[in-house]
Amino acid sequence: MKDLLLHKDNRFCADCNAPDPKWASANIGVFVCLKCCGVHRSLGTHISKINSVTLDEWSEEEIDAMIEVGGNASANSIYEAYLPEGYTKPASDASHEQRAKFIRSKYEHQEFLKPSLRIVSGKSSSHKNTFKASFSKRLMDSFRKSTSSSKNMEGMVEFIGMLKVKVIKGTDLAIRDMMTSDPYVILKLGQQTVQTTIIKSNLNPVWNEELMLSVPEEFGQLSLQVYDHDMFSADDIMGEADIDLQPLITSAMAFGDAGMFDDMQIGKWLKSHDNALIDDSTVNIIDGKVKQEMSLKLQNVECGELDLELEWMPLGH
């Protein structure tokens, strides 16, 4: 691996040309910088299996795959063979969005590959072409295998991380008893349901309560409902909201280990007429953690708002 890194082309990131890359994608065969490595991680290991060159243990198979490819120059000769004329690759100071767009186009959608290689077919005329086809085929086979195996695992759910939801407070909630309500909040994600405590006779309750949910691979929306607890009959609903987790999880996974970054904004869920947001909700790295605060206007009810803070917790933390 160290010998490979000494090659001139491997001293710069395969995707943005940043100097001295310390990460590598074992199944693609390229060396990348920390910022590009974060985007590679978000693609999933079926497309890009990222290891640290210096910190991680490598299997013989992974090292053989890297040597077989030869590093950035030969991999890019395949993956960037058909870059459109005038197309500019992201530079080392590119924004996260520019980087993510290019890396997804290059490896996930294989937009710059020779079209015949995308489907891997036909006999190749030279050994070099045979290698290109087998290289692309290995990536596509591993991709197909992972998607089909996850479909076959009925009842088995793969989790990609944990979500900590801090239910902070409610404001101006709806009256469901004589003069007041006894509110509590229910959160649902996939097959899981969690609930806050009930706060008696309070239309402006403060919970500051943390609830934990496991996030499945196909996570969908987080559903939230506020109810009025009733001793003698069914609990009355006091409004609901759906929360789009995509901005939080996609940006968190793209950055990888948030502890390596200073405080900054990395994503945003935009307010629109068809969601419950009162204002745009930003995703931020704060003290090495990925967090997102939001204020929601409860839907299908005459009044009421709810303040939450989400925190993404990758597996193993």
Protein backbone atom coordinates (compact mmCIF):
# COMPACT_ATOMS: atom_id res chain seq x y z
CA MET A 1 0.00 0.00 0.00
CA LYS A 2 2.82 2.38 0.91
CA ASP A 3 4.55 1.62 -2.40
CA LEU A 4 1.31 2.39 -4.25
CA LEU A 5 1.02 5.72 -2.44
CA LEU A 6 4.46 6.71 -3.72
CA HIS A 7 3.19 6.71 -7.33
CA LYS A 8 2.89 10.29 -8.56
CA ASP A 9 -0.86 10.06 -9.36
CA ASN A 10 -1.68 8.60 -5.95
CA ARG A 11 -0.22 11.57 -4.08
CA PHE A 12 -3.33 13.58 -4.97
CA CYS A 13 -7.01 12.82 -4.34
CA ALA A 14 -8.59 10.96 -7.28
CA ASP A 15 -11.69 13.17 -7.15
CA CYS A 16 -10.54 16.71 -6.24
CA ASN A 17 -6.72 16.64 -6.53
CA ALA A 18 -6.16 17.62 -2.88
CA PRO A 19 -2.57 16.69 -1.93
CA ASP A 20 -1.56 13.81 0.36
CA PRO A 21 -4.74 11.65 0.47
CA LYS A 22 -4.92 9.40 3.54
CA TRP A 23 -8.02 7.36 2.64
CA ALA A 24 -8.69 4.73 -0.01
CA SER A 25 -11.69 2.98 -1.54
CA ALA A 26 -10.75 -0.69 -1.50
CA ASN A 27 -13.31 -1.86 -4.08
CA ILE A 28 -12.85 1.06 -6.50
CA GLY A 29 -9.08 1.27 -6.09
CA VAL A 30 -8.60 5.02 -5.59
CA PHE A 31 -6.91 7.19 -2.95
CA VAL A 32 -9.03 10.12 -1.71
CA CYS A 33 -8.83 13.04 0.73
CA LEU A 34 -10.84 13.36 3.96
CA LYS A 35 -13.57 15.53 2.41
CA CYS A 36 -14.14 13.22 -0.56
CA CYS A 37 -13.92 10.20 1.74
CA GLY A 38 -17.02 11.53 3.57
CA VAL A 39 -19.01 11.51 0.32
CA HIS A 40 -17.72 8.02 -0.59
CA ARG A 41 -18.96 6.75 2.77
CA SER A 42 -22.45 8.09 2.03
CA LEU A 43 -22.59 5.96 -1.15
CA GLY A 44 -22.60 2.78 0.95
CA THR A 45 -19.96 0.03 1.06
CA HIS A 46 -21.58 -1.79 -1.88
CA ILE A 47 -20.29 1.06 -4.06
CA SER A 48 -17.26 2.35 -2.14
CA LYS A 49 -15.58 0.58 0.78
CA ILE A 50 -13.50 3.28 2.48
CA ASN A 51 -10.47 2.49 4.69
CA SER A 52 -7.84 4.70 6.27
CA VAL A 53 -4.45 4.05 4.70
CA THR A 54 -2.71 4.43 8.06
CA LEU A 55 -5.29 3.57 10.76
CA ASP A 56 -7.39 0.65 9.48
CA GLU A 57 -6.47 -3.00 9.11
CA TRP A 58 -6.65 -4.15 5.50
CA SER A 59 -7.49 -7.69 4.36
CA GLU A 60 -5.23 -9.36 1.80
CA GLU A 61 -8.17 -9.33 -0.62
CA GLU A 62 -8.58 -5.55 -0.26
CA ILE A 63 -4.87 -4.90 -0.79
CA ASP A 64 -4.84 -7.23 -3.84
CA ALA A 65 -7.80 -5.31 -5.30
CA MET A 66 -5.97 -1.99 -4.84
CA ILE A 67 -2.81 -3.39 -6.47
CA GLU A 68 -4.84 -4.90 -9.34
CA VAL A 69 -6.32 -1.50 -10.13
CA GLY A 70 -3.01 0.31 -9.67
CA GLY A 71 -4.42 3.48 -8.13
CA ASN A 72 -5.86 6.78 -9.29
CA ALA A 73 -4.51 7.04 -12.85
CA SER A 74 -5.82 3.67 -14.05
CA ALA A 75 -9.11 3.96 -12.12
CA ASN A 76 -9.74 7.46 -13.50
CA SER A 77 -8.92 6.25 -17.02
CA ILE A 78 -12.04 4.08 -16.62
CA TYR A 79 -14.33 6.20 -14.47
CA GLU A 80 -13.55 9.51 -16.19
CA ALA A 81 -13.04 8.18 -19.72
CA TYR A 82 -16.08 10.08 -21.01
CA LEU A 83 -16.03 13.32 -19.02
CA PRO A 84 -18.02 15.81 -21.13
CA GLU A 85 -15.97 18.43 -22.98
CA GLY A 86 -15.46 21.50 -20.86
CA TYR A 87 -16.54 19.65 -17.68
CA THR A 88 -14.54 20.81 -14.65
CA LYS A 89 -13.84 18.40 -11.81
CA PRO A 90 -14.25 19.83 -8.31
CA ALA A 91 -11.08 21.41 -6.90
CA SER A 92 -9.71 20.78 -3.40
CA ASP A 93 -11.59 23.86 -2.10
CA ALA A 94 -14.94 22.82 -3.69
CA SER A 95 -18.13 22.94 -1.64
CA HIS A 96 -19.58 19.76 -0.20
CA GLU A 97 -22.48 19.93 -2.70
CA GLN A 98 -20.14 20.18 -5.75
CA ARG A 99 -18.04 17.31 -4.43
CA ALA A 100 -21.05 15.09 -3.69
CA LYS A 101 -22.63 15.72 -7.10
CA PHE A 102 -19.43 14.80 -8.96
CA ILE A 103 -18.63 11.69 -6.89
CA ARG A 104 -22.17 10.33 -7.21
CA SER A 105 -22.13 10.95 -10.98
CA LYS A 106 -18.72 9.29 -11.29
CA TYR A 107 -19.14 6.12 -9.22
CA GLU A 108 -22.81 5.58 -8.37
CA HIS A 109 -24.36 6.54 -11.72
CA GLN A 110 -21.19 5.79 -13.72
CA GLU A 111 -21.99 8.69 -16.04
CA PHE A 112 -18.43 9.11 -17.33
CA LEU A 113 -17.76 5.41 -18.04
CA LYS A 114 -17.57 4.03 -21.56
CA PRO A 115 -21.24 3.05 -22.11
CA SER A 116 -20.45 -0.60 -22.96
CA LEU A 117 -18.63 -1.00 -19.65
CA ARG A 118 -21.66 0.06 -17.62
CA ILE A 119 -23.48 -3.11 -18.55
CA VAL A 120 -20.31 -5.22 -18.87
CA SER A 121 -20.82 -7.23 -22.05
CA GLY A 122 -19.02 -8.53 -25.10
CA LYS A 123 -15.54 -9.93 -25.57
CA SER A 124 -12.70 -7.48 -25.18
CA SER A 125 -10.02 -7.20 -27.81
CA SER A 126 -7.11 -6.57 -25.45
CA HIS A 127 -6.04 -7.56 -21.95
CA LYS A 128 -6.39 -3.94 -20.85
CA ASN A 129 -10.04 -3.87 -21.91
CA THR A 130 -10.66 -7.20 -20.21
CA PHE A 131 -9.38 -5.71 -17.00
CA LYS A 132 -11.61 -2.64 -17.35
CA ALA A 133 -14.65 -4.83 -17.87
CA SER A 134 -13.85 -7.10 -14.92
CA PHE A 135 -13.17 -4.08 -12.70
CA SER A 136 -16.51 -2.50 -13.55
CA LYS A 137 -18.25 -5.89 -13.30
CA ARG A 138 -16.93 -6.48 -9.80
CA LEU A 139 -18.44 -3.20 -8.67
CA MET A 140 -21.79 -3.89 -10.34
CA ASP A 141 -21.92 -7.49 -9.03
CA SER A 142 -21.31 -6.37 -5.46
CA PHE A 143 -23.96 -3.67 -5.92
CA ARG A 144 -26.53 -6.18 -7.22
CA LYS A 145 -25.70 -8.68 -4.50
CA SER A 146 -26.22 -6.21 -1.69
CA THR A 147 -29.53 -4.91 -3.04
CA SER A 148 -30.95 -8.39 -3.71
CA SER A 149 -29.79 -9.78 -0.35
CA SER A 150 -31.42 -6.92 1.54
CA LYS A 151 -34.69 -7.64 -0.30
CA ASN A 152 -34.48 -11.33 0.59
CA MET A 153 -33.95 -10.70 4.30
CA GLU A 154 -37.64 -10.40 5.08
CA GLY A 155 -38.22 -9.57 8.72
CA MET A 156 -34.51 -8.75 9.15
CA VAL A 157 -33.99 -4.99 9.29
CA GLU A 158 -30.54 -3.50 8.75
CA PHE A 159 -29.96 -0.43 10.94
CA ILE A 160 -27.62 2.35 9.83
CA GLY A 161 -27.56 4.43 13.02
CA MET A 162 -29.50 5.85 15.95
CA LEU A 163 -31.65 8.96 16.15
CA LYS A 164 -31.88 10.86 19.43
CA VAL A 165 -34.93 13.13 19.47
CA LYS A 166 -35.12 15.75 22.20
CA VAL A 167 -38.73 16.88 22.56
CA ILE A 168 -38.17 20.37 23.97
CA LYS A 169 -41.52 22.11 24.37
CA GLY A 170 -44.99 22.78 23.02
CA THR A 171 -46.49 26.26 22.52
CA ASP A 172 -50.16 27.26 22.43
CA LEU A 173 -51.41 23.67 22.11
CA ALA A 174 -55.07 22.96 21.42
CA ILE A 175 -57.62 22.68 24.23
CA ARG A 176 -59.15 19.21 24.43
CA ASP A 177 -60.54 19.15 27.99
CA MET A 178 -62.72 21.79 29.64
CA MET A 179 -60.07 24.52 29.75
CA THR A 180 -56.78 22.77 29.06
CA SER A 181 -55.13 19.50 27.95
CA ASP A 182 -52.79 16.81 29.30
CA PRO A 183 -50.39 16.53 26.35
CA TYR A 184 -47.86 13.87 25.41
CA VAL A 185 -45.91 13.24 22.18
CA ILE A 186 -45.63 9.99 20.20
CA LEU A 187 -42.88 9.43 17.61
CA LYS A 188 -42.97 6.64 15.02
CA LEU A 189 -40.20 5.44 12.72
CA GLY A 190 -40.65 2.22 10.75
CA GLN A 191 -42.01 -0.35 13.22
CA GLN A 192 -40.90 1.58 16.32
CA THR A 193 -42.96 3.86 18.54
CA VAL A 194 -41.68 5.95 21.49
CA GLN A 195 -43.53 8.34 23.78
CA THR A 196 -42.85 11.23 26.14
CA THR A 197 -44.32 11.55 29.63
CA ILE A 198 -47.77 13.12 30.06
CA ILE A 199 -47.78 16.72 31.34
CA LYS A 200 -50.92 17.57 33.27
CA SER A 201 -53.06 20.62 32.50
CA ASN A 202 -50.60 22.55 30.35
CA LEU A 203 -50.99 24.10 26.91
CA ASN A 204 -47.32 25.25 26.92
CA PRO A 205 -45.60 22.12 28.22
CA VAL A 206 -41.81 21.82 28.60
CA TRP A 207 -40.58 18.23 28.27
CA ASN A 208 -36.82 18.46 27.52
CA GLU A 209 -37.07 14.71 27.12
CA GLU A 210 -34.77 12.55 24.98
CA LEU A 211 -36.18 9.60 23.04
CA MET A 212 -34.08 7.08 21.06
CA LEU A 213 -34.98 5.36 17.77
CA SER A 214 -32.99 2.96 15.57
CA VAL A 215 -32.80 4.12 11.96
CA PRO A 216 -33.37 1.38 9.34
CA GLU A 217 -31.65 1.45 5.94
CA GLU A 218 -34.90 2.51 4.26
CA PHE A 219 -35.96 4.95 6.94
CA GLY A 220 -38.85 7.00 5.49
CA GLN A 221 -40.28 9.90 7.49
CA LEU A 222 -40.43 10.34 11.25
CA SER A 223 -44.09 10.72 12.24
CA LEU A 224 -45.02 12.85 15.22
CA GLN A 225 -48.39 13.08 16.97
CA VAL A 226 -49.48 15.03 20.04
CA TYR A 227 -52.30 13.57 22.15
CA ASP A 228 -54.36 14.69 25.13
CA HIS A 229 -54.36 11.98 27.79
CA ASP A 230 -57.87 11.11 28.93
CA MET A 231 -58.61 8.94 31.96
CA PHE A 232 -62.05 7.80 30.87
CA SER A 233 -62.13 7.72 27.06
CA ALA A 234 -59.83 7.45 24.04
CA ASP A 235 -57.05 10.03 23.97
CA ASP A 236 -57.80 12.98 21.67
CA ILE A 237 -55.30 13.98 18.99
CA MET A 238 -53.89 17.50 19.27
CA GLY A 239 -52.07 17.70 15.95
CA GLU A 240 -49.37 15.89 13.99
CA ALA A 241 -46.37 16.45 11.72
CA ASP A 242 -44.07 14.46 9.43
CA ILE A 243 -40.33 15.06 9.67
CA ASP A 244 -38.06 14.52 6.66
CA LEU A 245 -34.90 12.82 7.99
CA GLN A 246 -33.09 12.86 4.63
CA PRO A 247 -31.22 16.20 5.12
CA LEU A 248 -29.91 15.13 8.54
CA ILE A 249 -28.87 11.58 7.66
CA THR A 250 -27.50 12.26 4.18
CA SER A 251 -25.30 15.14 5.35
CA ALA A 252 -24.20 13.27 8.50
CA MET A 253 -23.16 10.20 6.53
CA ALA A 254 -21.42 12.30 3.90
CA PHE A 255 -19.20 13.88 6.55
CA GLY A 256 -18.45 10.60 8.33
CA ASP A 257 -16.81 11.20 11.71
CA ALA A 258 -18.22 14.57 12.80
CA GLY A 259 -15.64 14.74 15.60
CA MET A 260 -12.98 15.55 13.00
CA PHE A 261 -14.70 18.81 11.97
CA ASP A 262 -15.14 22.23 13.54
CA ASP A 263 -18.63 23.58 14.22
CA MET A 264 -20.37 24.31 10.92
CA GLN A 265 -23.58 23.98 8.95
CA ILE A 266 -23.66 20.87 6.74
CA GLY A 267 -27.27 20.62 5.57
CA LYS A 268 -30.74 22.17 5.59
CA TRP A 269 -34.42 21.09 5.53
CA LEU A 270 -36.29 23.87 3.74
CA LYS A 271 -39.64 25.23 4.87
CA SER A 272 -42.34 24.73 2.20
CA HIS A 273 -46.12 24.90 1.90
CA ASP A 274 -46.39 21.09 2.16
CA ASN A 275 -44.35 20.54 5.35
CA ALA A 276 -44.80 21.54 8.98
CA LEU A 277 -41.70 23.71 9.35
CA ILE A 278 -42.14 27.24 10.71
CA ASP A 279 -38.64 28.23 9.44
CA ASP A 280 -35.85 26.49 7.52
CA SER A 281 -34.16 23.92 9.75
CA THR A 282 -30.35 23.65 9.50
CA VAL A 283 -28.20 20.60 10.15
CA ASN A 284 -25.04 21.51 12.06
CA ILE A 285 -21.94 19.93 13.50
CA ILE A 286 -21.81 21.15 17.12
CA ASP A 287 -19.03 19.92 19.44
CA GLY A 288 -18.41 16.94 17.18
CA LYS A 289 -22.10 15.93 16.99
CA VAL A 290 -24.57 16.25 14.11
CA LYS A 291 -27.68 18.08 15.33
CA GLN A 292 -30.77 19.68 13.83
CA GLU A 293 -33.16 22.01 15.65
CA MET A 294 -36.66 22.60 14.32
CA SER A 295 -39.92 24.33 15.17
CA LEU A 296 -43.02 22.66 13.76
CA LYS A 297 -46.53 23.99 13.27
CA LEU A 298 -48.78 21.07 14.17
CA GLN A 299 -50.99 19.98 11.26
CA ASN A 300 -54.73 19.16 11.14
CA VAL A 301 -55.47 21.13 14.31
CA GLU A 302 -56.56 24.68 15.14
CA CYS A 303 -53.28 25.71 16.86
CA GLY A 304 -50.06 24.51 18.41
CA GLU A 305 -46.31 24.41 17.80
CA LEU A 306 -43.59 22.00 18.88
CA ASP A 307 -39.81 22.48 19.26
CA LEU A 308 -37.46 19.53 18.74
CA GLU A 309 -33.76 18.79 18.43
CA LEU A 310 -32.58 15.75 16.45
CA GLU A 311 -29.14 14.20 16.85
CA TRP A 312 -27.66 11.59 14.50
CA MET A 313 -25.64 8.85 16.22
CA PRO A 314 -23.69 6.56 13.89
CA LEU A 315 -23.44 2.89 14.83
CA GLY A 316 -20.53 2.16 17.13
CA HIS A 317 -20.74 5.50 18.96
